[in-house]
Amino acid sequence: MQLSIKRIMLTQWPFDKPHYLILNLAMGGGFGGQVDMACLPATLEIESIKVYQ
């Protein structure tokens, strides 16, 4: 039983497949409130992203 569980875990291991990072500039909504249209168009600039392994 243990061997088959280990085999399943090895075949379904997600960390040796490509990963993607989605960054979103969300504005407005229930928490953010109304969007001031004078602020648009907006730009999201990313200086750095750290990935820990």
PDB file of N, CA and C in Angstrom:
ATOM      1  N   MET A   1       0.816  -1.192   0.000  1.00  0.00           N
ATOM      2  CA  MET A   1       0.000   0.000   0.000  1.00  0.00           C
ATOM      3  C   MET A   1       0.864   1.263   0.000  1.00  0.00           C
ATOM      4  N   GLN A   2       1.895   1.329   0.813  1.00  0.00           N
ATOM      5  CA  GLN A   2       2.759   2.482   0.883  1.00  0.00           C
ATOM      6  C   GLN A   2       3.477   2.736  -0.442  1.00  0.00           C
ATOM      7  N   LEU A   3       3.882   1.694  -1.105  1.00  0.00           N
ATOM      8  CA  LEU A   3       4.600   1.846  -2.372  1.00  0.00           C
ATOM      9  C   LEU A   3       3.721   2.508  -3.424  1.00  0.00           C
ATOM     10  N   SER A   4       2.458   2.106  -3.516  1.00  0.00           N
ATOM     11  CA  SER A   4       1.568   2.691  -4.519  1.00  0.00           C
ATOM     12  C   SER A   4       1.266   4.161  -4.197  1.00  0.00           C
ATOM     13  N   ILE A   5       1.159   4.513  -2.923  1.00  0.00           N
ATOM     14  CA  ILE A   5       0.943   5.913  -2.546  1.00  0.00           C
ATOM     15  C   ILE A   5       2.159   6.741  -2.923  1.00  0.00           C
ATOM     16  N   LYS A   6       3.348   6.215  -2.682  1.00  0.00           N
ATOM     17  CA  LYS A   6       4.575   6.929  -3.025  1.00  0.00           C
ATOM     18  C   LYS A   6       4.685   7.108  -4.536  1.00  0.00           C
ATOM     19  N   ARG A   7       4.317   6.105  -5.297  1.00  0.00           N
ATOM     20  CA  ARG A   7       4.365   6.187  -6.760  1.00  0.00           C
ATOM     21  C   ARG A   7       3.391   7.252  -7.263  1.00  0.00           C
ATOM     22  N   ILE A   8       2.211   7.321  -6.691  1.00  0.00           N
ATOM     23  CA  ILE A   8       1.228   8.335  -7.081  1.00  0.00           C
ATOM     24  C   ILE A   8       1.767   9.732  -6.757  1.00  0.00           C
ATOM     25  N   MET A   9       2.360   9.881  -5.582  1.00  0.00           N
ATOM     26  CA  MET A   9       2.898  11.180  -5.198  1.00  0.00           C
ATOM     27  C   MET A   9       4.007  11.619  -6.140  1.00  0.00           C
ATOM     28  N   LEU A  10       4.845  10.711  -6.582  1.00  0.00           N
ATOM     29  CA  LEU A  10       5.944  11.058  -7.482  1.00  0.00           C
ATOM     30  C   LEU A  10       5.436  11.433  -8.871  1.00  0.00           C
ATOM     31  N   THR A  11       4.387  10.800  -9.347  1.00  0.00           N
ATOM     32  CA  THR A  11       3.869  11.108 -10.680  1.00  0.00           C
ATOM     33  C   THR A  11       3.027  12.374 -10.672  1.00  0.00           C
ATOM     34  N   GLN A  12       2.496  12.772  -9.519  1.00  0.00           N
ATOM     35  CA  GLN A  12       1.666  13.967  -9.443  1.00  0.00           C
ATOM     36  C   GLN A  12       2.379  15.122  -8.750  1.00  0.00           C
ATOM     37  N   TRP A  13       3.673  15.054  -8.576  1.00  0.00           N
ATOM     38  CA  TRP A  13       4.446  16.080  -7.901  1.00  0.00           C
ATOM     39  C   TRP A  13       4.393  17.363  -8.726  1.00  0.00           C
ATOM     40  N   PRO A  14       3.843  18.463  -8.197  1.00  0.00           N
ATOM     41  CA  PRO A  14       3.642  19.669  -9.018  1.00  0.00           C
ATOM     42  C   PRO A  14       4.857  20.569  -9.138  1.00  0.00           C
ATOM     43  N   PHE A  15       5.911  20.348  -8.341  1.00  0.00           N
ATOM     44  CA  PHE A  15       6.988  21.316  -8.259  1.00  0.00           C
ATOM     45  C   PHE A  15       8.090  21.115  -9.294  1.00  0.00           C
ATOM     46  N   ASP A  16       7.966  20.130 -10.159  1.00  0.00           N
ATOM     47  CA  ASP A  16       8.933  19.987 -11.242  1.00  0.00           C
ATOM     48  C   ASP A  16       8.297  20.340 -12.585  1.00  0.00           C
ATOM     49  N   LYS A  17       7.186  21.058 -12.539  1.00  0.00           N
ATOM     50  CA  LYS A  17       6.499  21.542 -13.733  1.00  0.00           C
ATOM     51  C   LYS A  17       6.610  23.066 -13.763  1.00  0.00           C
ATOM     52  N   PRO A  18       6.431  23.689 -14.926  1.00  0.00           N
ATOM     53  CA  PRO A  18       6.507  25.155 -15.000  1.00  0.00           C
ATOM     54  C   PRO A  18       5.446  25.816 -14.117  1.00  0.00           C
ATOM     55  N   HIS A  19       5.830  26.907 -13.479  1.00  0.00           N
ATOM     56  CA  HIS A  19       4.908  27.693 -12.671  1.00  0.00           C
ATOM     57  C   HIS A  19       4.838  29.098 -13.256  1.00  0.00           C
ATOM     58  N   TYR A  20       3.718  29.757 -13.044  1.00  0.00           N
ATOM     59  CA  TYR A  20       3.504  31.095 -13.565  1.00  0.00           C
ATOM     60  C   TYR A  20       3.059  32.004 -12.430  1.00  0.00           C
ATOM     61  N   LEU A  21       3.458  33.242 -12.491  1.00  0.00           N
ATOM     62  CA  LEU A  21       3.092  34.235 -11.505  1.00  0.00           C
ATOM     63  C   LEU A  21       2.186  35.258 -12.185  1.00  0.00           C
ATOM     64  N   ILE A  22       0.999  35.450 -11.633  1.00  0.00           N
ATOM     65  CA  ILE A  22       0.049  36.405 -12.194  1.00  0.00           C
ATOM     66  C   ILE A  22       0.002  37.618 -11.269  1.00  0.00           C
ATOM     67  N   LEU A  23       0.295  38.783 -11.819  1.00  0.00           N
ATOM     68  CA  LEU A  23       0.236  40.031 -11.071  1.00  0.00           C
ATOM     69  C   LEU A  23      -0.934  40.849 -11.613  1.00  0.00           C
ATOM     70  N   ASN A  24      -1.733  41.398 -10.712  1.00  0.00           N
ATOM     71  CA  ASN A  24      -2.973  42.046 -11.111  1.00  0.00           C
ATOM     72  C   ASN A  24      -3.068  43.430 -10.480  1.00  0.00           C
ATOM     73  N   LEU A  25      -3.407  44.412 -11.284  1.00  0.00           N
ATOM     74  CA  LEU A  25      -3.686  45.746 -10.782  1.00  0.00           C
ATOM     75  C   LEU A  25      -5.206  45.868 -10.701  1.00  0.00           C
ATOM     76  N   ALA A  26      -5.776  45.394  -9.609  1.00  0.00           N
ATOM     77  CA  ALA A  26      -7.227  45.428  -9.421  1.00  0.00           C
ATOM     78  C   ALA A  26      -7.617  46.756  -8.789  1.00  0.00           C
ATOM     79  N   MET A  27      -8.660  47.343  -9.312  1.00  0.00           N
ATOM     80  CA  MET A  27      -9.113  48.633  -8.789  1.00  0.00           C
ATOM     81  C   MET A  27     -10.617  48.575  -8.560  1.00  0.00           C
ATOM     82  N   GLY A  28     -11.064  49.235  -7.487  1.00  0.00           N
ATOM     83  CA  GLY A  28     -12.491  49.317  -7.216  1.00  0.00           C
ATOM     84  C   GLY A  28     -13.002  48.093  -6.489  1.00  0.00           C
ATOM     85  N   GLY A  29     -14.295  47.887  -6.563  1.00  0.00           N
ATOM     86  CA  GLY A  29     -14.916  46.753  -5.893  1.00  0.00           C
ATOM     87  C   GLY A  29     -15.464  47.140  -4.530  1.00  0.00           C
ATOM     88  N   GLY A  30     -15.939  46.152  -3.787  1.00  0.00           N
ATOM     89  CA  GLY A  30     -16.542  46.395  -2.485  1.00  0.00           C
ATOM     90  C   GLY A  30     -15.567  46.955  -1.474  1.00  0.00           C
ATOM     91  N   PHE A  31     -14.338  46.491  -1.494  1.00  0.00           N
ATOM     92  CA  PHE A  31     -13.346  46.934  -0.517  1.00  0.00           C
ATOM     93  C   PHE A  31     -12.683  48.240  -0.948  1.00  0.00           C
ATOM     94  N   GLY A  32     -12.397  48.366  -2.228  1.00  0.00           N
ATOM     95  CA  GLY A  32     -11.675  49.538  -2.726  1.00  0.00           C
ATOM     96  C   GLY A  32     -12.547  50.752  -2.973  1.00  0.00           C
ATOM     97  N   GLY A  33     -13.826  50.535  -3.187  1.00  0.00           N
ATOM     98  CA  GLY A  33     -14.729  51.651  -3.456  1.00  0.00           C
ATOM     99  C   GLY A  33     -14.675  52.096  -4.903  1.00  0.00           C
ATOM    100  N   GLN A  34     -15.235  53.268  -5.145  1.00  0.00           N
ATOM    101  CA  GLN A  34     -15.297  53.810  -6.497  1.00  0.00           C
ATOM    102  C   GLN A  34     -13.903  54.168  -6.999  1.00  0.00           C
ATOM    103  N   VAL A  35     -13.705  54.000  -8.293  1.00  0.00           N
ATOM    104  CA  VAL A  35     -12.429  54.327  -8.927  1.00  0.00           C
ATOM    105  C   VAL A  35     -12.515  55.735  -9.500  1.00  0.00           C
ATOM    106  N   ASP A  36     -11.541  56.564  -9.152  1.00  0.00           N
ATOM    107  CA  ASP A  36     -11.455  57.903  -9.728  1.00  0.00           C
ATOM    108  C   ASP A  36     -10.925  57.767 -11.143  1.00  0.00           C
ATOM    109  N   MET A  37     -11.735  58.079 -12.117  1.00  0.00           N
ATOM    110  CA  MET A  37     -11.360  57.885 -13.516  1.00  0.00           C
ATOM    111  C   MET A  37     -10.200  58.796 -13.935  1.00  0.00           C
ATOM    112  N   ALA A  38      -9.907  59.824 -13.144  1.00  0.00           N
ATOM    113  CA  ALA A  38      -8.771  60.693 -13.455  1.00  0.00           C
ATOM    114  C   ALA A  38      -7.447  59.962 -13.234  1.00  0.00           C
ATOM    115  N   CYS A  39      -7.479  58.863 -12.489  1.00  0.00           N
ATOM    116  CA  CYS A  39      -6.262  58.083 -12.226  1.00  0.00           C
ATOM    117  C   CYS A  39      -5.915  57.145 -13.370  1.00  0.00           C
ATOM    118  N   LEU A  40      -6.783  57.031 -14.343  1.00  0.00           N
ATOM    119  CA  LEU A  40      -6.586  56.056 -15.415  1.00  0.00           C
ATOM    120  C   LEU A  40      -6.027  56.725 -16.654  1.00  0.00           C
ATOM    121  N   PRO A  41      -5.276  56.095 -17.466  1.00  0.00           N
ATOM    122  CA  PRO A  41      -4.815  54.719 -17.323  1.00  0.00           C
ATOM    123  C   PRO A  41      -3.734  54.601 -16.256  1.00  0.00           C
ATOM    124  N   ALA A  42      -3.711  53.481 -15.579  1.00  0.00           N
ATOM    125  CA  ALA A  42      -2.749  53.229 -14.512  1.00  0.00           C
ATOM    126  C   ALA A  42      -1.680  52.252 -14.999  1.00  0.00           C
ATOM    127  N   THR A  43      -0.522  52.295 -14.355  1.00  0.00           N
ATOM    128  CA  THR A  43       0.580  51.410 -14.703  1.00  0.00           C
ATOM    129  C   THR A  43       1.056  50.691 -13.460  1.00  0.00           C
ATOM    130  N   LEU A  44       1.290  49.410 -13.591  1.00  0.00           N
ATOM    131  CA  LEU A  44       1.840  48.612 -12.510  1.00  0.00           C
ATOM    132  C   LEU A  44       3.282  48.286 -12.881  1.00  0.00           C
ATOM    133  N   GLU A  45       4.228  48.853 -12.148  1.00  0.00           N
ATOM    134  CA  GLU A  45       5.641  48.608 -12.428  1.00  0.00           C
ATOM    135  C   GLU A  45       6.218  47.730 -11.329  1.00  0.00           C
ATOM    136  N   ILE A  46       6.824  46.613 -11.715  1.00  0.00           N
ATOM    137  CA  ILE A  46       7.422  45.672 -10.777  1.00  0.00           C
ATOM    138  C   ILE A  46       8.932  45.866 -10.815  1.00  0.00           C
ATOM    139  N   GLU A  47       9.511  46.177  -9.669  1.00  0.00           N
ATOM    140  CA  GLU A  47      10.966  46.360  -9.604  1.00  0.00           C
ATOM    141  C   GLU A  47      11.671  45.018  -9.444  1.00  0.00           C
ATOM    142  N   SER A  48      11.132  44.159  -8.601  1.00  0.00           N
ATOM    143  CA  SER A  48      11.771  42.852  -8.416  1.00  0.00           C
ATOM    144  C   SER A  48      10.760  41.863  -7.833  1.00  0.00           C
ATOM    145  N   ILE A  49      11.034  40.604  -8.068  1.00  0.00           N
ATOM    146  CA  ILE A  49      10.246  39.502  -7.506  1.00  0.00           C
ATOM    147  C   ILE A  49      11.236  38.509  -6.950  1.00  0.00           C
ATOM    148  N   LYS A  50      11.020  38.100  -5.717  1.00  0.00           N
ATOM    149  CA  LYS A  50      11.900  37.113  -5.090  1.00  0.00           C
ATOM    150  C   LYS A  50      11.212  35.748  -5.086  1.00  0.00           C
ATOM    151  N   VAL A  51      11.942  34.744  -5.490  1.00  0.00           N
ATOM    152  CA  VAL A  51      11.442  33.370  -5.490  1.00  0.00           C
ATOM    153  C   VAL A  51      12.351  32.567  -4.577  1.00  0.00           C
ATOM    154  N   TYR A  52      11.754  31.939  -3.598  1.00  0.00           N
ATOM    155  CA  TYR A  52      12.522  31.125  -2.653  1.00  0.00           C
ATOM    156  C   TYR A  52      12.339  29.662  -2.997  1.00  0.00           C
ATOM    157  N   GLN A  53      13.416  28.929  -2.998  1.00  0.00           N
ATOM    158  CA  GLN A  53      13.341  27.501  -3.290  1.00  0.00           C
ATOM    159  C   GLN A  53      13.796  26.705  -2.102  1.00  0.00           C
TER     160      GLN A  53
END
